[in-house]
Amino acid sequence: LVISTIFTTEINAHQITMSIFYPVLLLSGIVWPLEGQPIWLRTISKWLPMTKAIDAMRGILLKGWCIKHLLVQQAFMVTFIWSMGFLILALIIFNCRRI
């Protein structure tokens, strides 16, 4: 939503989205485990929005965690906060472009 408010063409928005999505996908622990990353890269990965959600999903699927588990609740909260932050940013950018 933020990217589509910044760029005017669909092609540009799609290119930027993919150039952001793939590094986040690789760094969040979906494709390659965080333990296999260098320490400096692992520190960056911990701040990405998908990392906690992936850890929670792994815990639900492999360890049988439920929604009451603390890490699952943290993952929901982190995802919610990132989503609300991007929504607010998109609204601010959209309103600034209209003026």
PDB file of N, CA and C in Angstrom:
ATOM      1  N   LEU A   1       0.827  -1.183   0.000  1.00  0.00           N
ATOM      2  CA  LEU A   1       0.000   0.000   0.000  1.00  0.00           C
ATOM      3  C   LEU A   1       0.877   1.255   0.000  1.00  0.00           C
ATOM      4  N   VAL A   2       1.934   1.214   0.796  1.00  0.00           N
ATOM      5  CA  VAL A   2       2.844   2.365   0.838  1.00  0.00           C
ATOM      6  C   VAL A   2       3.513   2.553  -0.518  1.00  0.00           C
ATOM      7  N   ILE A   3       3.975   1.465  -1.092  1.00  0.00           N
ATOM      8  CA  ILE A   3       4.684   1.552  -2.367  1.00  0.00           C
ATOM      9  C   ILE A   3       3.749   2.024  -3.475  1.00  0.00           C
ATOM     10  N   SER A   4       2.513   1.550  -3.461  1.00  0.00           N
ATOM     11  CA  SER A   4       1.581   1.967  -4.511  1.00  0.00           C
ATOM     12  C   SER A   4       1.167   3.427  -4.374  1.00  0.00           C
ATOM     13  N   THR A   5       1.277   4.003  -3.179  1.00  0.00           N
ATOM     14  CA  THR A   5       0.980   5.429  -3.043  1.00  0.00           C
ATOM     15  C   THR A   5       2.155   6.298  -3.484  1.00  0.00           C
ATOM     16  N   ILE A   6       3.347   5.738  -3.461  1.00  0.00           N
ATOM     17  CA  ILE A   6       4.537   6.503  -3.856  1.00  0.00           C
ATOM     18  C   ILE A   6       4.706   6.517  -5.374  1.00  0.00           C
ATOM     19  N   PHE A   7       4.579   5.344  -6.007  1.00  0.00           N
ATOM     20  CA  PHE A   7       4.843   5.235  -7.443  1.00  0.00           C
ATOM     21  C   PHE A   7       3.559   5.384  -8.242  1.00  0.00           C
ATOM     22  N   THR A   8       3.701   5.948  -9.425  1.00  0.00           N
ATOM     23  CA  THR A   8       2.521   6.236 -10.244  1.00  0.00           C
ATOM     24  C   THR A   8       2.166   5.105 -11.193  1.00  0.00           C
ATOM     25  N   THR A   9       3.137   4.291 -11.584  1.00  0.00           N
ATOM     26  CA  THR A   9       2.832   3.198 -12.509  1.00  0.00           C
ATOM     27  C   THR A   9       2.880   1.862 -11.784  1.00  0.00           C
ATOM     28  N   GLU A  10       2.092   0.946 -12.291  1.00  0.00           N
ATOM     29  CA  GLU A  10       2.028  -0.389 -11.697  1.00  0.00           C
ATOM     30  C   GLU A  10       3.344  -1.144 -11.857  1.00  0.00           C
ATOM     31  N   ILE A  11       4.009  -0.950 -12.966  1.00  0.00           N
ATOM     32  CA  ILE A  11       5.284  -1.626 -13.229  1.00  0.00           C
ATOM     33  C   ILE A  11       6.332  -1.212 -12.197  1.00  0.00           C
ATOM     34  N   ASN A  12       6.456   0.083 -11.945  1.00  0.00           N
ATOM     35  CA  ASN A  12       7.434   0.565 -10.966  1.00  0.00           C
ATOM     36  C   ASN A  12       7.124   0.038  -9.572  1.00  0.00           C
ATOM     37  N   ALA A  13       5.857   0.059  -9.191  1.00  0.00           N
ATOM     38  CA  ALA A  13       5.472  -0.436  -7.871  1.00  0.00           C
ATOM     39  C   ALA A  13       5.781  -1.924  -7.745  1.00  0.00           C
ATOM     40  N   HIS A  14       5.524  -2.676  -8.800  1.00  0.00           N
ATOM     41  CA  HIS A  14       5.799  -4.115  -8.772  1.00  0.00           C
ATOM     42  C   HIS A  14       7.300  -4.390  -8.675  1.00  0.00           C
ATOM     43  N   GLN A  15       8.101  -3.659  -9.416  1.00  0.00           N
ATOM     44  CA  GLN A  15       9.551  -3.861  -9.378  1.00  0.00           C
ATOM     45  C   GLN A  15      10.121  -3.558  -7.996  1.00  0.00           C
ATOM     46  N   ILE A  16       9.692  -2.473  -7.396  1.00  0.00           N
ATOM     47  CA  ILE A  16      10.178  -2.126  -6.061  1.00  0.00           C
ATOM     48  C   ILE A  16       9.704  -3.148  -5.035  1.00  0.00           C
ATOM     49  N   THR A  17       8.454  -3.580  -5.161  1.00  0.00           N
ATOM     50  CA  THR A  17       7.924  -4.576  -4.229  1.00  0.00           C
ATOM     51  C   THR A  17       8.737  -5.858  -4.280  1.00  0.00           C
ATOM     52  N   MET A  18       9.046  -6.332  -5.468  1.00  0.00           N
ATOM     53  CA  MET A  18       9.821  -7.566  -5.596  1.00  0.00           C
ATOM     54  C   MET A  18      11.262  -7.379  -5.121  1.00  0.00           C
ATOM     55  N   SER A  19      11.829  -6.194  -5.341  1.00  0.00           N
ATOM     56  CA  SER A  19      13.204  -5.968  -4.888  1.00  0.00           C
ATOM     57  C   SER A  19      13.286  -5.862  -3.367  1.00  0.00           C
ATOM     58  N   ILE A  20      12.182  -5.577  -2.703  1.00  0.00           N
ATOM     59  CA  ILE A  20      12.150  -5.571  -1.237  1.00  0.00           C
ATOM     60  C   ILE A  20      11.756  -6.942  -0.707  1.00  0.00           C
ATOM     61  N   PHE A  21      10.802  -7.594  -1.380  1.00  0.00           N
ATOM     62  CA  PHE A  21      10.242  -8.854  -0.891  1.00  0.00           C
ATOM     63  C   PHE A  21      11.271  -9.978  -0.843  1.00  0.00           C
ATOM     64  N   TYR A  22      12.046 -10.158  -1.887  1.00  0.00           N
ATOM     65  CA  TYR A  22      12.977 -11.283  -1.929  1.00  0.00           C
ATOM     66  C   TYR A  22      14.082 -11.206  -0.875  1.00  0.00           C
ATOM     67  N   PRO A  23      14.719 -10.063  -0.656  1.00  0.00           N
ATOM     68  CA  PRO A  23      15.690 -10.023   0.448  1.00  0.00           C
ATOM     69  C   PRO A  23      15.048 -10.287   1.816  1.00  0.00           C
ATOM     70  N   VAL A  24      13.845  -9.747   2.033  1.00  0.00           N
ATOM     71  CA  VAL A  24      13.158 -10.003   3.304  1.00  0.00           C
ATOM     72  C   VAL A  24      12.835 -11.485   3.430  1.00  0.00           C
ATOM     73  N   LEU A  25      12.424 -12.105   2.336  1.00  0.00           N
ATOM     74  CA  LEU A  25      12.126 -13.536   2.332  1.00  0.00           C
ATOM     75  C   LEU A  25      13.362 -14.352   2.695  1.00  0.00           C
ATOM     76  N   LEU A  26      14.496 -13.993   2.130  1.00  0.00           N
ATOM     77  CA  LEU A  26      15.730 -14.732   2.403  1.00  0.00           C
ATOM     78  C   LEU A  26      16.258 -14.486   3.815  1.00  0.00           C
ATOM     79  N   LEU A  27      16.083 -13.276   4.330  1.00  0.00           N
ATOM     80  CA  LEU A  27      16.645 -12.929   5.633  1.00  0.00           C
ATOM     81  C   LEU A  27      15.749 -13.287   6.813  1.00  0.00           C
ATOM     82  N   SER A  28      14.481 -13.577   6.570  1.00  0.00           N
ATOM     83  CA  SER A  28      13.556 -13.788   7.686  1.00  0.00           C
ATOM     84  C   SER A  28      13.553 -15.212   8.215  1.00  0.00           C
ATOM     85  N   GLY A  29      14.262 -16.109   7.595  1.00  0.00           N
ATOM     86  CA  GLY A  29      14.338 -17.468   8.097  1.00  0.00           C
ATOM     87  C   GLY A  29      13.425 -18.446   7.395  1.00  0.00           C
ATOM     88  N   ILE A  30      12.778 -18.038   6.324  1.00  0.00           N
ATOM     89  CA  ILE A  30      11.913 -18.955   5.583  1.00  0.00           C
ATOM     90  C   ILE A  30      12.756 -19.904   4.745  1.00  0.00           C
ATOM     91  N   VAL A  31      13.680 -19.353   3.989  1.00  0.00           N
ATOM     92  CA  VAL A  31      14.482 -20.146   3.066  1.00  0.00           C
ATOM     93  C   VAL A  31      15.736 -20.686   3.748  1.00  0.00           C
ATOM     94  N   TRP A  32      16.376 -19.862   4.531  1.00  0.00           N
ATOM     95  CA  TRP A  32      17.633 -20.218   5.188  1.00  0.00           C
ATOM     96  C   TRP A  32      17.486 -19.923   6.674  1.00  0.00           C
ATOM     97  N   PRO A  33      17.830 -20.871   7.553  1.00  0.00           N
ATOM     98  CA  PRO A  33      17.645 -20.629   8.995  1.00  0.00           C
ATOM     99  C   PRO A  33      18.526 -19.494   9.509  1.00  0.00           C
ATOM    100  N   LEU A  34      18.015 -18.782  10.500  1.00  0.00           N
ATOM    101  CA  LEU A  34      18.756 -17.654  11.069  1.00  0.00           C
ATOM    102  C   LEU A  34      20.071 -18.099  11.693  1.00  0.00           C
ATOM    103  N   GLU A  35      20.101 -19.313  12.195  1.00  0.00           N
ATOM    104  CA  GLU A  35      21.330 -19.811  12.825  1.00  0.00           C
ATOM    105  C   GLU A  35      22.471 -19.958  11.828  1.00  0.00           C
ATOM    106  N   GLY A  36      22.154 -20.060  10.539  1.00  0.00           N
ATOM    107  CA  GLY A  36      23.172 -20.192   9.508  1.00  0.00           C
ATOM    108  C   GLY A  36      23.680 -18.861   8.984  1.00  0.00           C
ATOM    109  N   GLN A  37      23.145 -17.772   9.491  1.00  0.00           N
ATOM    110  CA  GLN A  37      23.556 -16.445   9.046  1.00  0.00           C
ATOM    111  C   GLN A  37      24.658 -15.903   9.951  1.00  0.00           C
ATOM    112  N   PRO A  38      25.491 -15.011   9.418  1.00  0.00           N
ATOM    113  CA  PRO A  38      26.468 -14.337  10.282  1.00  0.00           C
ATOM    114  C   PRO A  38      25.746 -13.520  11.356  1.00  0.00           C
ATOM    115  N   ILE A  39      26.427 -13.245  12.442  1.00  0.00           N
ATOM    116  CA  ILE A  39      25.807 -12.559  13.580  1.00  0.00           C
ATOM    117  C   ILE A  39      25.276 -11.188  13.181  1.00  0.00           C
ATOM    118  N   TRP A  40      26.025 -10.426  12.388  1.00  0.00           N
ATOM    119  CA  TRP A  40      25.568  -9.092  12.005  1.00  0.00           C
ATOM    120  C   TRP A  40      24.304  -9.162  11.150  1.00  0.00           C
ATOM    121  N   LEU A  41      24.202 -10.184  10.301  1.00  0.00           N
ATOM    122  CA  LEU A  41      23.019 -10.349   9.467  1.00  0.00           C
ATOM    123  C   LEU A  41      21.834 -10.870  10.283  1.00  0.00           C
ATOM    124  N   ARG A  42      22.123 -11.699  11.268  1.00  0.00           N
ATOM    125  CA  ARG A  42      21.083 -12.205  12.165  1.00  0.00           C
ATOM    126  C   ARG A  42      20.454 -11.065  12.962  1.00  0.00           C
ATOM    127  N   THR A  43      21.269 -10.084  13.343  1.00  0.00           N
ATOM    128  CA  THR A  43      20.756  -8.919  14.070  1.00  0.00           C
ATOM    129  C   THR A  43      19.781  -8.133  13.196  1.00  0.00           C
ATOM    130  N   ILE A  44      20.119  -7.955  11.936  1.00  0.00           N
ATOM    131  CA  ILE A  44      19.216  -7.277  11.003  1.00  0.00           C
ATOM    132  C   ILE A  44      17.948  -8.101  10.809  1.00  0.00           C
ATOM    133  N   SER A  45      18.097  -9.400  10.690  1.00  0.00           N
ATOM    134  CA  SER A  45      16.954 -10.280  10.456  1.00  0.00           C
ATOM    135  C   SER A  45      15.947 -10.245  11.590  1.00  0.00           C
ATOM    136  N   LYS A  46      16.417 -10.074  12.805  1.00  0.00           N
ATOM    137  CA  LYS A  46      15.506 -10.041  13.957  1.00  0.00           C
ATOM    138  C   LYS A  46      14.542  -8.863  13.893  1.00  0.00           C
ATOM    139  N   TRP A  47      14.897  -7.801  13.166  1.00  0.00           N
ATOM    140  CA  TRP A  47      14.049  -6.611  13.083  1.00  0.00           C
ATOM    141  C   TRP A  47      13.079  -6.647  11.908  1.00  0.00           C
ATOM    142  N   LEU A  48      13.141  -7.667  11.080  1.00  0.00           N
ATOM    143  CA  LEU A  48      12.239  -7.757   9.936  1.00  0.00           C
ATOM    144  C   LEU A  48      10.849  -8.203  10.386  1.00  0.00           C
ATOM    145  N   PRO A  49       9.811  -7.753   9.696  1.00  0.00           N
ATOM    146  CA  PRO A  49       8.447  -8.053  10.146  1.00  0.00           C
ATOM    147  C   PRO A  49       8.058  -9.524  10.060  1.00  0.00           C
ATOM    148  N   MET A  50       8.673 -10.291   9.189  1.00  0.00           N
ATOM    149  CA  MET A  50       8.264 -11.684   9.010  1.00  0.00           C
ATOM    150  C   MET A  50       8.978 -12.663   9.935  1.00  0.00           C
ATOM    151  N   THR A  51      10.068 -12.262  10.561  1.00  0.00           N
ATOM    152  CA  THR A  51      10.885 -13.196  11.328  1.00  0.00           C
ATOM    153  C   THR A  51      10.130 -13.801  12.501  1.00  0.00           C
ATOM    154  N   LYS A  52       9.482 -12.982  13.305  1.00  0.00           N
ATOM    155  CA  LYS A  52       8.721 -13.499  14.455  1.00  0.00           C
ATOM    156  C   LYS A  52       7.579 -14.395  14.000  1.00  0.00           C
ATOM    157  N   ALA A  53       6.908 -13.998  12.911  1.00  0.00           N
ATOM    158  CA  ALA A  53       5.795 -14.798  12.405  1.00  0.00           C
ATOM    159  C   ALA A  53       6.269 -16.169  11.929  1.00  0.00           C
ATOM    160  N   ILE A  54       7.423 -16.216  11.300  1.00  0.00           N
ATOM    161  CA  ILE A  54       7.972 -17.491  10.837  1.00  0.00           C
ATOM    162  C   ILE A  54       8.359 -18.363  12.026  1.00  0.00           C
ATOM    163  N   ASP A  55       8.974 -17.767  13.050  1.00  0.00           N
ATOM    164  CA  ASP A  55       9.310 -18.528  14.259  1.00  0.00           C
ATOM    165  C   ASP A  55       8.057 -19.094  14.919  1.00  0.00           C
ATOM    166  N   ALA A  56       7.002 -18.294  14.974  1.00  0.00           N
ATOM    167  CA  ALA A  56       5.745 -18.758  15.570  1.00  0.00           C
ATOM    168  C   ALA A  56       5.127 -19.872  14.734  1.00  0.00           C
ATOM    169  N   MET A  57       5.134 -19.724  13.428  1.00  0.00           N
ATOM    170  CA  MET A  57       4.581 -20.754  12.550  1.00  0.00           C
ATOM    171  C   MET A  57       5.352 -22.060  12.692  1.00  0.00           C
ATOM    172  N   ARG A  58       6.665 -21.951  12.787  1.00  0.00           N
ATOM    173  CA  ARG A  58       7.490 -23.141  12.980  1.00  0.00           C
ATOM    174  C   ARG A  58       7.167 -23.808  14.317  1.00  0.00           C
ATOM    175  N   GLY A  59       6.955 -23.000  15.353  1.00  0.00           N
ATOM    176  CA  GLY A  59       6.593 -23.546  16.656  1.00  0.00           C
ATOM    177  C   GLY A  59       5.227 -24.209  16.654  1.00  0.00           C
ATOM    178  N   ILE A  60       4.280 -23.624  15.940  1.00  0.00           N
ATOM    179  CA  ILE A  60       2.937 -24.209  15.851  1.00  0.00           C
ATOM    180  C   ILE A  60       2.983 -25.540  15.109  1.00  0.00           C
ATOM    181  N   LEU A  61       3.692 -25.567  13.994  1.00  0.00           N
ATOM    182  CA  LEU A  61       3.713 -26.771  13.171  1.00  0.00           C
ATOM    183  C   LEU A  61       4.586 -27.881  13.742  1.00  0.00           C
ATOM    184  N   LEU A  62       5.731 -27.534  14.305  1.00  0.00           N
ATOM    185  CA  LEU A  62       6.680 -28.554  14.740  1.00  0.00           C
ATOM    186  C   LEU A  62       6.616 -28.883  16.227  1.00  0.00           C
ATOM    187  N   LYS A  63       6.250 -27.910  17.039  1.00  0.00           N
ATOM    188  CA  LYS A  63       6.269 -28.122  18.483  1.00  0.00           C
ATOM    189  C   LYS A  63       4.877 -28.174  19.099  1.00  0.00           C
ATOM    190  N   GLY A  64       3.848 -27.938  18.303  1.00  0.00           N
ATOM    191  CA  GLY A  64       2.489 -28.015  18.801  1.00  0.00           C
ATOM    192  C   GLY A  64       2.055 -26.843  19.660  1.00  0.00           C
ATOM    193  N   TRP A  65       2.681 -25.689  19.466  1.00  0.00           N
ATOM    194  CA  TRP A  65       2.276 -24.512  20.236  1.00  0.00           C
ATOM    195  C   TRP A  65       0.846 -24.135  19.877  1.00  0.00           C
ATOM    196  N   CYS A  66       0.168 -23.483  20.803  1.00  0.00           N
ATOM    197  CA  CYS A  66      -1.175 -22.971  20.521  1.00  0.00           C
ATOM    198  C   CYS A  66      -1.133 -21.443  20.566  1.00  0.00           C
ATOM    199  N   ILE A  67      -2.282 -20.834  20.380  1.00  0.00           N
ATOM    200  CA  ILE A  67      -2.366 -19.371  20.335  1.00  0.00           C
ATOM    201  C   ILE A  67      -1.992 -18.749  21.678  1.00  0.00           C
ATOM    202  N   LYS A  68      -2.065 -19.521  22.750  1.00  0.00           N
ATOM    203  CA  LYS A  68      -1.761 -19.002  24.084  1.00  0.00           C
ATOM    204  C   LYS A  68      -0.260 -18.932  24.366  1.00  0.00           C
ATOM    205  N   HIS A  69       0.552 -19.529  23.508  1.00  0.00           N
ATOM    206  CA  HIS A  69       2.001 -19.500  23.710  1.00  0.00           C
ATOM    207  C   HIS A  69       2.504 -18.068  23.534  1.00  0.00           C
ATOM    208  N   LEU A  70       3.420 -17.659  24.396  1.00  0.00           N
ATOM    209  CA  LEU A  70       3.903 -16.279  24.413  1.00  0.00           C
ATOM    210  C   LEU A  70       4.513 -15.858  23.076  1.00  0.00           C
ATOM    211  N   LEU A  71       5.326 -16.712  22.461  1.00  0.00           N
ATOM    212  CA  LEU A  71       5.968 -16.337  21.198  1.00  0.00           C
ATOM    213  C   LEU A  71       4.966 -16.207  20.053  1.00  0.00           C
ATOM    214  N   VAL A  72       3.895 -16.990  20.092  1.00  0.00           N
ATOM    215  CA  VAL A  72       2.850 -16.857  19.073  1.00  0.00           C
ATOM    216  C   VAL A  72       2.124 -15.528  19.248  1.00  0.00           C
ATOM    217  N   GLN A  73       1.831 -15.167  20.475  1.00  0.00           N
ATOM    218  CA  GLN A  73       1.175 -13.886  20.737  1.00  0.00           C
ATOM    219  C   GLN A  73       2.076 -12.716  20.352  1.00  0.00           C
ATOM    220  N   GLN A  74       3.374 -12.839  20.631  1.00  0.00           N
ATOM    221  CA  GLN A  74       4.312 -11.793  20.227  1.00  0.00           C
ATOM    222  C   GLN A  74       4.350 -11.646  18.709  1.00  0.00           C
ATOM    223  N   ALA A  75       4.306 -12.770  18.005  1.00  0.00           N
ATOM    224  CA  ALA A  75       4.325 -12.725  16.539  1.00  0.00           C
ATOM    225  C   ALA A  75       3.094 -12.012  16.002  1.00  0.00           C
ATOM    226  N   PHE A  76       1.934 -12.298  16.587  1.00  0.00           N
ATOM    227  CA  PHE A  76       0.722 -11.593  16.172  1.00  0.00           C
ATOM    228  C   PHE A  76       0.850 -10.099  16.445  1.00  0.00           C
ATOM    229  N   MET A  77       1.387  -9.745  17.594  1.00  0.00           N
ATOM    230  CA  MET A  77       1.511  -8.338  17.958  1.00  0.00           C
ATOM    231  C   MET A  77       2.499  -7.612  17.039  1.00  0.00           C
ATOM    232  N   VAL A  78       3.628  -8.229  16.763  1.00  0.00           N
ATOM    233  CA  VAL A  78       4.624  -7.613  15.874  1.00  0.00           C
ATOM    234  C   VAL A  78       4.038  -7.421  14.476  1.00  0.00           C
ATOM    235  N   THR A  79       3.349  -8.430  13.969  1.00  0.00           N
ATOM    236  CA  THR A  79       2.728  -8.326  12.649  1.00  0.00           C
ATOM    237  C   THR A  79       1.680  -7.222  12.628  1.00  0.00           C
ATOM    238  N   PHE A  80       0.882  -7.127  13.677  1.00  0.00           N
ATOM    239  CA  PHE A  80      -0.142  -6.090  13.769  1.00  0.00           C
ATOM    240  C   PHE A  80       0.491  -4.698  13.809  1.00  0.00           C
ATOM    241  N   ILE A  81       1.540  -4.538  14.596  1.00  0.00           N
ATOM    242  CA  ILE A  81       2.204  -3.233  14.712  1.00  0.00           C
ATOM    243  C   ILE A  81       2.821  -2.815  13.379  1.00  0.00           C
ATOM    244  N   TRP A  82       3.524  -3.725  12.708  1.00  0.00           N
ATOM    245  CA  TRP A  82       4.096  -3.411  11.399  1.00  0.00           C
ATOM    246  C   TRP A  82       2.992  -3.033  10.413  1.00  0.00           C
ATOM    247  N   SER A  83       1.894  -3.787  10.417  1.00  0.00           N
ATOM    248  CA  SER A  83       0.790  -3.504   9.491  1.00  0.00           C
ATOM    249  C   SER A  83       0.183  -2.134   9.750  1.00  0.00           C
ATOM    250  N   MET A  84      -0.053  -1.821  11.001  1.00  0.00           N
ATOM    251  CA  MET A  84      -0.626  -0.516  11.338  1.00  0.00           C
ATOM    252  C   MET A  84       0.349   0.614  11.008  1.00  0.00           C
ATOM    253  N   GLY A  85       1.634   0.385  11.241  1.00  0.00           N
ATOM    254  CA  GLY A  85       2.637   1.393  10.901  1.00  0.00           C
ATOM    255  C   GLY A  85       2.665   1.686   9.411  1.00  0.00           C
ATOM    256  N   PHE A  86       2.630   0.635   8.595  1.00  0.00           N
ATOM    257  CA  PHE A  86       2.618   0.836   7.146  1.00  0.00           C
ATOM    258  C   PHE A  86       1.309   1.455   6.674  1.00  0.00           C
ATOM    259  N   LEU A  87       0.195   1.103   7.305  1.00  0.00           N
ATOM    260  CA  LEU A  87      -1.088   1.706   6.942  1.00  0.00           C
ATOM    261  C   LEU A  87      -1.095   3.201   7.242  1.00  0.00           C
ATOM    262  N   ILE A  88      -0.604   3.576   8.404  1.00  0.00           N
ATOM    263  CA  ILE A  88      -0.530   4.992   8.774  1.00  0.00           C
ATOM    264  C   ILE A  88       0.405   5.743   7.830  1.00  0.00           C
ATOM    265  N   LEU A  89       1.545   5.140   7.521  1.00  0.00           N
ATOM    266  CA  LEU A  89       2.481   5.763   6.585  1.00  0.00           C
ATOM    267  C   LEU A  89       1.848   5.945   5.208  1.00  0.00           C
ATOM    268  N   ALA A  90       1.112   4.947   4.738  1.00  0.00           N
ATOM    269  CA  ALA A  90       0.442   5.053   3.438  1.00  0.00           C
ATOM    270  C   ALA A  90      -0.604   6.161   3.450  1.00  0.00           C
ATOM    271  N   LEU A  91      -1.344   6.286   4.541  1.00  0.00           N
ATOM    272  CA  LEU A  91      -2.342   7.353   4.638  1.00  0.00           C
ATOM    273  C   LEU A  91      -1.696   8.731   4.644  1.00  0.00           C
ATOM    274  N   ILE A  92      -0.586   8.861   5.346  1.00  0.00           N
ATOM    275  CA  ILE A  92       0.133  10.141   5.380  1.00  0.00           C
ATOM    276  C   ILE A  92       0.642  10.503   3.989  1.00  0.00           C
ATOM    277  N   ILE A  93       1.260   9.547   3.314  1.00  0.00           N
ATOM    278  CA  ILE A  93       1.784   9.807   1.965  1.00  0.00           C
ATOM    279  C   ILE A  93       0.647  10.133   1.006  1.00  0.00           C
ATOM    280  N   PHE A  94      -0.446   9.382   1.100  1.00  0.00           N
ATOM    281  CA  PHE A  94      -1.594   9.622   0.219  1.00  0.00           C
ATOM    282  C   PHE A  94      -2.166  11.018   0.426  1.00  0.00           C
ATOM    283  N   ASN A  95      -2.297  11.431   1.672  1.00  0.00           N
ATOM    284  CA  ASN A  95      -2.830  12.765   1.955  1.00  0.00           C
ATOM    285  C   ASN A  95      -1.869  13.867   1.526  1.00  0.00           C
ATOM    286  N   CYS A  96      -0.576  13.641   1.659  1.00  0.00           N
ATOM    287  CA  CYS A  96       0.406  14.642   1.223  1.00  0.00           C
ATOM    288  C   CYS A  96       0.419  14.784  -0.294  1.00  0.00           C
ATOM    289  N   ARG A  97       0.204  13.706  -1.007  1.00  0.00           N
ATOM    290  CA  ARG A  97       0.193  13.764  -2.474  1.00  0.00           C
ATOM    291  C   ARG A  97      -1.042  14.468  -3.001  1.00  0.00           C
ATOM    292  N   ARG A  98      -2.144  14.414  -2.250  1.00  0.00           N
ATOM    293  CA  ARG A  98      -3.383  15.071  -2.679  1.00  0.00           C
ATOM    294  C   ARG A  98      -3.294  16.574  -2.526  1.00  0.00           C
ATOM    295  N   ILE A  99      -2.486  17.049  -1.600  1.00  0.00           N
ATOM    296  CA  ILE A  99      -2.393  18.491  -1.337  1.00  0.00           C
ATOM    297  C   ILE A  99      -1.553  19.181  -2.374  1.00  0.00           C
TER     298      ILE A  99
END
